[in-house]
């Protein structure tokens, strides 16, 4: 029901489209999550921000973020 709390409007695009993933990207991340992300999870910008905030000299996980997530 559309008036029910938490209901998702049927007019919205599918969730994967809204977050910028295709179904193959999602499947890879869901099935191989720990292999895909050894440190941080997020797009390239967020991974770089996390590394900077924590004082990492070299950002880790940026390559995977570029391949799997939209920046």
PDB file of N, CA and C in Angstrom:
ATOM      1  N   UNK A   1       0.836  -1.182   0.000  1.00  0.00           N
ATOM      2  CA  UNK A   1       0.000   0.000   0.000  1.00  0.00           C
ATOM      3  C   UNK A   1       0.878   1.241   0.000  1.00  0.00           C
ATOM      4  N   UNK A   2       0.530   2.191  -0.818  1.00  0.00           N
ATOM      5  CA  UNK A   2       1.326   3.414  -0.913  1.00  0.00           C
ATOM      6  C   UNK A   2       1.271   4.268   0.339  1.00  0.00           C
ATOM      7  N   UNK A   3       0.189   4.176   1.110  1.00  0.00           N
ATOM      8  CA  UNK A   3       0.087   5.006   2.308  1.00  0.00           C
ATOM      9  C   UNK A   3       0.712   4.344   3.536  1.00  0.00           C
ATOM     10  N   UNK A   4       1.222   3.149   3.371  1.00  0.00           N
ATOM     11  CA  UNK A   4       1.841   2.428   4.477  1.00  0.00           C
ATOM     12  C   UNK A   4       3.250   2.987   4.738  1.00  0.00           C
ATOM     13  N   UNK A   5       3.600   3.136   6.007  1.00  0.00           N
ATOM     14  CA  UNK A   5       4.918   3.640   6.369  1.00  0.00           C
ATOM     15  C   UNK A   5       6.011   2.768   5.752  1.00  0.00           C
ATOM     16  N   UNK A   6       6.977   3.395   5.100  1.00  0.00           N
ATOM     17  CA  UNK A   6       8.078   2.668   4.490  1.00  0.00           C
ATOM     18  C   UNK A   6       7.800   2.182   3.083  1.00  0.00           C
ATOM     19  N   UNK A   7       6.604   2.446   2.576  1.00  0.00           N
ATOM     20  CA  UNK A   7       6.261   2.011   1.220  1.00  0.00           C
ATOM     21  C   UNK A   7       7.140   2.734   0.206  1.00  0.00           C
ATOM     22  N   UNK A   8       7.543   2.022  -0.828  1.00  0.00           N
ATOM     23  CA  UNK A   8       8.365   2.594  -1.890  1.00  0.00           C
ATOM     24  C   UNK A   8       7.464   2.917  -3.069  1.00  0.00           C
ATOM     25  N   UNK A   9       7.549   4.143  -3.520  1.00  0.00           N
ATOM     26  CA  UNK A   9       6.730   4.607  -4.633  1.00  0.00           C
ATOM     27  C   UNK A   9       7.033   3.783  -5.884  1.00  0.00           C
ATOM     28  N   UNK A  10       6.010   3.243  -6.510  1.00  0.00           N
ATOM     29  CA  UNK A  10       6.173   2.428  -7.716  1.00  0.00           C
ATOM     30  C   UNK A  10       6.739   3.220  -8.887  1.00  0.00           C
ATOM     31  N   UNK A  11       6.662   4.527  -8.823  1.00  0.00           N
ATOM     32  CA  UNK A  11       7.147   5.370  -9.913  1.00  0.00           C
ATOM     33  C   UNK A  11       8.663   5.553  -9.880  1.00  0.00           C
ATOM     34  N   UNK A  12       9.290   5.206  -8.776  1.00  0.00           N
ATOM     35  CA  UNK A  12      10.740   5.343  -8.665  1.00  0.00           C
ATOM     36  C   UNK A  12      11.450   4.311  -9.529  1.00  0.00           C
ATOM     37  N   UNK A  13      12.627   4.678 -10.001  1.00  0.00           N
ATOM     38  CA  UNK A  13      13.452   3.738 -10.763  1.00  0.00           C
ATOM     39  C   UNK A  13      13.906   2.615  -9.827  1.00  0.00           C
ATOM     40  N   UNK A  14      14.262   1.459 -10.377  1.00  0.00           N
ATOM     41  CA  UNK A  14      14.763   0.364  -9.536  1.00  0.00           C
ATOM     42  C   UNK A  14      15.959   0.829  -8.694  1.00  0.00           C
ATOM     43  N   UNK A  15      16.099   0.253  -7.537  1.00  0.00           N
ATOM     44  CA  UNK A  15      17.116   0.688  -6.578  1.00  0.00           C
ATOM     45  C   UNK A  15      18.529   0.643  -7.158  1.00  0.00           C
ATOM     46  N   UNK A  16      18.876  -0.386  -7.899  1.00  0.00           N
ATOM     47  CA  UNK A  16      20.230  -0.452  -8.453  1.00  0.00           C
ATOM     48  C   UNK A  16      20.487   0.699  -9.414  1.00  0.00           C
ATOM     49  N   UNK A  17      19.497   1.071 -10.175  1.00  0.00           N
ATOM     50  CA  UNK A  17      19.637   2.225 -11.078  1.00  0.00           C
ATOM     51  C   UNK A  17      19.829   3.506 -10.288  1.00  0.00           C
ATOM     52  N   UNK A  18      19.091   3.644  -9.207  1.00  0.00           N
ATOM     53  CA  UNK A  18      19.181   4.866  -8.402  1.00  0.00           C
ATOM     54  C   UNK A  18      20.533   5.028  -7.733  1.00  0.00           C
ATOM     55  N   UNK A  19      21.188   3.930  -7.410  1.00  0.00           N
ATOM     56  CA  UNK A  19      22.505   4.047  -6.767  1.00  0.00           C
ATOM     57  C   UNK A  19      23.654   3.861  -7.756  1.00  0.00           C
ATOM     58  N   UNK A  20      23.323   3.725  -9.034  1.00  0.00           N
ATOM     59  CA  UNK A  20      24.349   3.703 -10.070  1.00  0.00           C
ATOM     60  C   UNK A  20      25.073   2.386 -10.248  1.00  0.00           C
ATOM     61  N   UNK A  21      24.431   1.276  -9.937  1.00  0.00           N
ATOM     62  CA  UNK A  21      25.041  -0.041 -10.129  1.00  0.00           C
ATOM     63  C   UNK A  21      24.259  -0.833 -11.163  1.00  0.00           C
ATOM     64  N   UNK A  22      24.975  -1.671 -11.900  1.00  0.00           N
ATOM     65  CA  UNK A  22      24.241  -2.613 -12.734  1.00  0.00           C
ATOM     66  C   UNK A  22      24.157  -3.939 -11.986  1.00  0.00           C
ATOM     67  N   UNK A  23      23.348  -4.836 -12.478  1.00  0.00           N
ATOM     68  CA  UNK A  23      23.097  -6.081 -11.742  1.00  0.00           C
ATOM     69  C   UNK A  23      24.357  -6.926 -11.593  1.00  0.00           C
ATOM     70  N   UNK A  24      25.266  -6.889 -12.571  1.00  0.00           N
ATOM     71  CA  UNK A  24      26.498  -7.672 -12.470  1.00  0.00           C
ATOM     72  C   UNK A  24      27.412  -7.111 -11.380  1.00  0.00           C
ATOM     73  N   UNK A  25      27.506  -5.789 -11.287  1.00  0.00           N
ATOM     74  CA  UNK A  25      28.302  -5.180 -10.215  1.00  0.00           C
ATOM     75  C   UNK A  25      27.760  -5.588  -8.851  1.00  0.00           C
ATOM     76  N   UNK A  26      26.448  -5.519  -8.703  1.00  0.00           N
ATOM     77  CA  UNK A  26      25.818  -5.868  -7.431  1.00  0.00           C
ATOM     78  C   UNK A  26      26.081  -7.328  -7.081  1.00  0.00           C
ATOM     79  N   UNK A  27      25.932  -8.202  -8.051  1.00  0.00           N
ATOM     80  CA  UNK A  27      26.133  -9.626  -7.815  1.00  0.00           C
ATOM     81  C   UNK A  27      27.573  -9.906  -7.385  1.00  0.00           C
ATOM     82  N   UNK A  28      28.525  -9.293  -8.069  1.00  0.00           N
ATOM     83  CA  UNK A  28      29.932  -9.474  -7.708  1.00  0.00           C
ATOM     84  C   UNK A  28      30.193  -9.019  -6.280  1.00  0.00           C
ATOM     85  N   UNK A  29      29.697  -7.839  -5.942  1.00  0.00           N
ATOM     86  CA  UNK A  29      29.927  -7.324  -4.587  1.00  0.00           C
ATOM     87  C   UNK A  29      29.237  -8.166  -3.525  1.00  0.00           C
ATOM     88  N   UNK A  30      28.036  -8.626  -3.806  1.00  0.00           N
ATOM     89  CA  UNK A  30      27.292  -9.409  -2.820  1.00  0.00           C
ATOM     90  C   UNK A  30      27.930 -10.778  -2.593  1.00  0.00           C
ATOM     91  N   UNK A  31      28.406 -11.399  -3.654  1.00  0.00           N
ATOM     92  CA  UNK A  31      28.968 -12.742  -3.535  1.00  0.00           C
ATOM     93  C   UNK A  31      30.418 -12.743  -3.060  1.00  0.00           C
ATOM     94  N   UNK A  32      31.143 -11.675  -3.339  1.00  0.00           N
ATOM     95  CA  UNK A  32      32.575 -11.637  -3.020  1.00  0.00           C
ATOM     96  C   UNK A  32      32.933 -10.397  -2.203  1.00  0.00           C
ATOM     97  N   UNK A  33      32.059 -10.031  -1.284  1.00  0.00           N
ATOM     98  CA  UNK A  33      32.212  -8.770  -0.554  1.00  0.00           C
ATOM     99  C   UNK A  33      33.587  -8.619   0.084  1.00  0.00           C
ATOM    100  N   UNK A  34      34.033  -9.618   0.814  1.00  0.00           N
ATOM    101  CA  UNK A  34      35.312  -9.506   1.520  1.00  0.00           C
ATOM    102  C   UNK A  34      36.494  -9.459   0.567  1.00  0.00           C
ATOM    103  N   UNK A  35      36.364 -10.076  -0.597  1.00  0.00           N
ATOM    104  CA  UNK A  35      37.430 -10.002  -1.594  1.00  0.00           C
ATOM    105  C   UNK A  35      37.433  -8.649  -2.295  1.00  0.00           C
ATOM    106  N   UNK A  36      36.263  -8.071  -2.443  1.00  0.00           N
ATOM    107  CA  UNK A  36      36.146  -6.782  -3.134  1.00  0.00           C
ATOM    108  C   UNK A  36      36.638  -5.625  -2.282  1.00  0.00           C
ATOM    109  N   UNK A  37      36.389  -5.699  -0.989  1.00  0.00           N
ATOM    110  CA  UNK A  37      36.702  -4.574  -0.109  1.00  0.00           C
ATOM    111  C   UNK A  37      37.478  -5.072   1.102  1.00  0.00           C
ATOM    112  N   UNK A  38      38.773  -4.831   1.086  1.00  0.00           N
ATOM    113  CA  UNK A  38      39.587  -5.302   2.209  1.00  0.00           C
ATOM    114  C   UNK A  38      39.653  -4.286   3.347  1.00  0.00           C
ATOM    115  N   UNK A  39      39.376  -3.019   3.050  1.00  0.00           N
ATOM    116  CA  UNK A  39      39.432  -2.002   4.098  1.00  0.00           C
ATOM    117  C   UNK A  39      38.134  -1.218   4.170  1.00  0.00           C
ATOM    118  N   UNK A  40      37.948  -0.275   3.251  1.00  0.00           N
ATOM    119  CA  UNK A  40      36.788   0.609   3.279  1.00  0.00           C
ATOM    120  C   UNK A  40      35.833   0.281   2.137  1.00  0.00           C
ATOM    121  N   UNK A  41      34.570   0.597   2.339  1.00  0.00           N
ATOM    122  CA  UNK A  41      33.562   0.399   1.308  1.00  0.00           C
ATOM    123  C   UNK A  41      32.991   1.758   0.951  1.00  0.00           C
ATOM    124  N   UNK A  42      32.985   2.062  -0.331  1.00  0.00           N
ATOM    125  CA  UNK A  42      32.428   3.321  -0.799  1.00  0.00           C
ATOM    126  C   UNK A  42      32.976   3.658  -2.161  1.00  0.00           C
ATOM    127  N   UNK A  43      32.464   4.733  -2.741  1.00  0.00           N
ATOM    128  CA  UNK A  43      32.996   5.134  -4.037  1.00  0.00           C
ATOM    129  C   UNK A  43      34.396   5.713  -3.842  1.00  0.00           C
ATOM    130  N   UNK A  44      35.070   5.996  -4.944  1.00  0.00           N
ATOM    131  CA  UNK A  44      36.465   6.437  -4.871  1.00  0.00           C
ATOM    132  C   UNK A  44      36.641   7.655  -3.969  1.00  0.00           C
ATOM    133  N   UNK A  45      35.760   8.612  -4.091  1.00  0.00           N
ATOM    134  CA  UNK A  45      35.859   9.831  -3.292  1.00  0.00           C
ATOM    135  C   UNK A  45      35.799   9.530  -1.804  1.00  0.00           C
ATOM    136  N   UNK A  46      34.848   8.698  -1.404  1.00  0.00           N
ATOM    137  CA  UNK A  46      34.687   8.369   0.022  1.00  0.00           C
ATOM    138  C   UNK A  46      35.864   7.554   0.552  1.00  0.00           C
ATOM    139  N   UNK A  47      36.378   6.633  -0.254  1.00  0.00           N
ATOM    140  CA  UNK A  47      37.525   5.829   0.179  1.00  0.00           C
ATOM    141  C   UNK A  47      38.733   6.735   0.393  1.00  0.00           C
ATOM    142  N   UNK A  48      38.963   7.648  -0.534  1.00  0.00           N
ATOM    143  CA  UNK A  48      40.089   8.583  -0.387  1.00  0.00           C
ATOM    144  C   UNK A  48      39.920   9.461   0.860  1.00  0.00           C
ATOM    145  N   UNK A  49      38.701   9.919   1.115  1.00  0.00           N
ATOM    146  CA  UNK A  49      38.443  10.736   2.303  1.00  0.00           C
ATOM    147  C   UNK A  49      38.745   9.959   3.583  1.00  0.00           C
ATOM    148  N   UNK A  50      38.305   8.713   3.629  1.00  0.00           N
ATOM    149  CA  UNK A  50      38.537   7.888   4.819  1.00  0.00           C
ATOM    150  C   UNK A  50      40.030   7.672   5.040  1.00  0.00           C
ATOM    151  N   UNK A  51      40.758   7.385   3.973  1.00  0.00           N
ATOM    152  CA  UNK A  51      42.202   7.173   4.093  1.00  0.00           C
ATOM    153  C   UNK A  51      42.901   8.439   4.579  1.00  0.00           C
ATOM    154  N   UNK A  52      42.489   9.577   4.044  1.00  0.00           N
ATOM    155  CA  UNK A  52      43.090  10.845   4.457  1.00  0.00           C
ATOM    156  C   UNK A  52      42.812  11.135   5.930  1.00  0.00           C
ATOM    157  N   UNK A  53      41.580  10.925   6.350  1.00  0.00           N
ATOM    158  CA  UNK A  53      41.213  11.194   7.741  1.00  0.00           C
ATOM    159  C   UNK A  53      41.975  10.307   8.716  1.00  0.00           C
ATOM    160  N   UNK A  54      42.283   9.092   8.288  1.00  0.00           N
ATOM    161  CA  UNK A  54      42.977   8.158   9.170  1.00  0.00           C
ATOM    162  C   UNK A  54      44.495   8.202   9.006  1.00  0.00           C
ATOM    163  N   UNK A  55      44.966   9.084   8.131  1.00  0.00           N
ATOM    164  CA  UNK A  55      46.401   9.261   7.973  1.00  0.00           C
ATOM    165  C   UNK A  55      47.098   8.192   7.154  1.00  0.00           C
ATOM    166  N   UNK A  56      46.372   7.475   6.318  1.00  0.00           N
ATOM    167  CA  UNK A  56      47.006   6.484   5.453  1.00  0.00           C
ATOM    168  C   UNK A  56      47.887   7.214   4.450  1.00  0.00           C
ATOM    169  N   UNK A  57      49.106   6.740   4.256  1.00  0.00           N
ATOM    170  CA  UNK A  57      49.997   7.364   3.286  1.00  0.00           C
ATOM    171  C   UNK A  57      49.576   7.023   1.858  1.00  0.00           C
ATOM    172  N   UNK A  58      49.031   5.866   1.695  1.00  0.00           N
ATOM    173  CA  UNK A  58      48.590   5.415   0.374  1.00  0.00           C
ATOM    174  C   UNK A  58      47.156   4.919   0.510  1.00  0.00           C
ATOM    175  N   UNK A  59      46.225   5.490  -0.269  1.00  0.00           N
ATOM    176  CA  UNK A  59      44.831   5.054  -0.143  1.00  0.00           C
ATOM    177  C   UNK A  59      44.656   3.605  -0.600  1.00  0.00           C
ATOM    178  N   UNK A  60      44.052   2.796   0.238  1.00  0.00           N
ATOM    179  CA  UNK A  60      43.823   1.398  -0.106  1.00  0.00           C
ATOM    180  C   UNK A  60      42.375   1.203  -0.521  1.00  0.00           C
ATOM    181  N   UNK A  61      42.161   0.354  -1.507  1.00  0.00           N
ATOM    182  CA  UNK A  61      40.809   0.043  -1.946  1.00  0.00           C
ATOM    183  C   UNK A  61      40.276   0.945  -3.042  1.00  0.00           C
ATOM    184  N   UNK A  62      41.083   1.896  -3.509  1.00  0.00           N
ATOM    185  CA  UNK A  62      40.609   2.830  -4.532  1.00  0.00           C
ATOM    186  C   UNK A  62      40.384   2.115  -5.861  1.00  0.00           C
ATOM    187  N   UNK A  63      41.253   1.194  -6.212  1.00  0.00           N
ATOM    188  CA  UNK A  63      41.095   0.457  -7.474  1.00  0.00           C
ATOM    189  C   UNK A  63      39.782  -0.298  -7.531  1.00  0.00           C
ATOM    190  N   UNK A  64      39.466  -0.996  -6.454  1.00  0.00           N
ATOM    191  CA  UNK A  64      38.200  -1.727  -6.408  1.00  0.00           C
ATOM    192  C   UNK A  64      37.018  -0.775  -6.422  1.00  0.00           C
ATOM    193  N   UNK A  65      37.128   0.322  -5.718  1.00  0.00           N
ATOM    194  CA  UNK A  65      36.044   1.301  -5.705  1.00  0.00           C
ATOM    195  C   UNK A  65      35.789   1.826  -7.112  1.00  0.00           C
ATOM    196  N   UNK A  66      36.849   2.103  -7.851  1.00  0.00           N
ATOM    197  CA  UNK A  66      36.704   2.582  -9.231  1.00  0.00           C
ATOM    198  C   UNK A  66      36.030   1.532 -10.104  1.00  0.00           C
ATOM    199  N   UNK A  67      36.424   0.277  -9.918  1.00  0.00           N
ATOM    200  CA  UNK A  67      35.863  -0.792 -10.751  1.00  0.00           C
ATOM    201  C   UNK A  67      34.417  -1.112 -10.398  1.00  0.00           C
ATOM    202  N   UNK A  68      34.084  -1.052  -9.125  1.00  0.00           N
ATOM    203  CA  UNK A  68      32.788  -1.555  -8.690  1.00  0.00           C
ATOM    204  C   UNK A  68      31.750  -0.493  -8.365  1.00  0.00           C
ATOM    205  N   UNK A  69      32.185   0.678  -7.993  1.00  0.00           N
ATOM    206  CA  UNK A  69      31.231   1.704  -7.565  1.00  0.00           C
ATOM    207  C   UNK A  69      31.394   2.976  -8.373  1.00  0.00           C
ATOM    208  N   UNK A  70      30.318   3.674  -8.542  1.00  0.00           N
ATOM    209  CA  UNK A  70      30.333   4.942  -9.261  1.00  0.00           C
ATOM    210  C   UNK A  70      30.920   6.006  -8.352  1.00  0.00           C
ATOM    211  N   UNK A  71      31.856   6.777  -8.869  1.00  0.00           N
ATOM    212  CA  UNK A  71      32.481   7.840  -8.060  1.00  0.00           C
ATOM    213  C   UNK A  71      31.608   9.062  -7.998  1.00  0.00           C
TER     214      UNK A  71
END
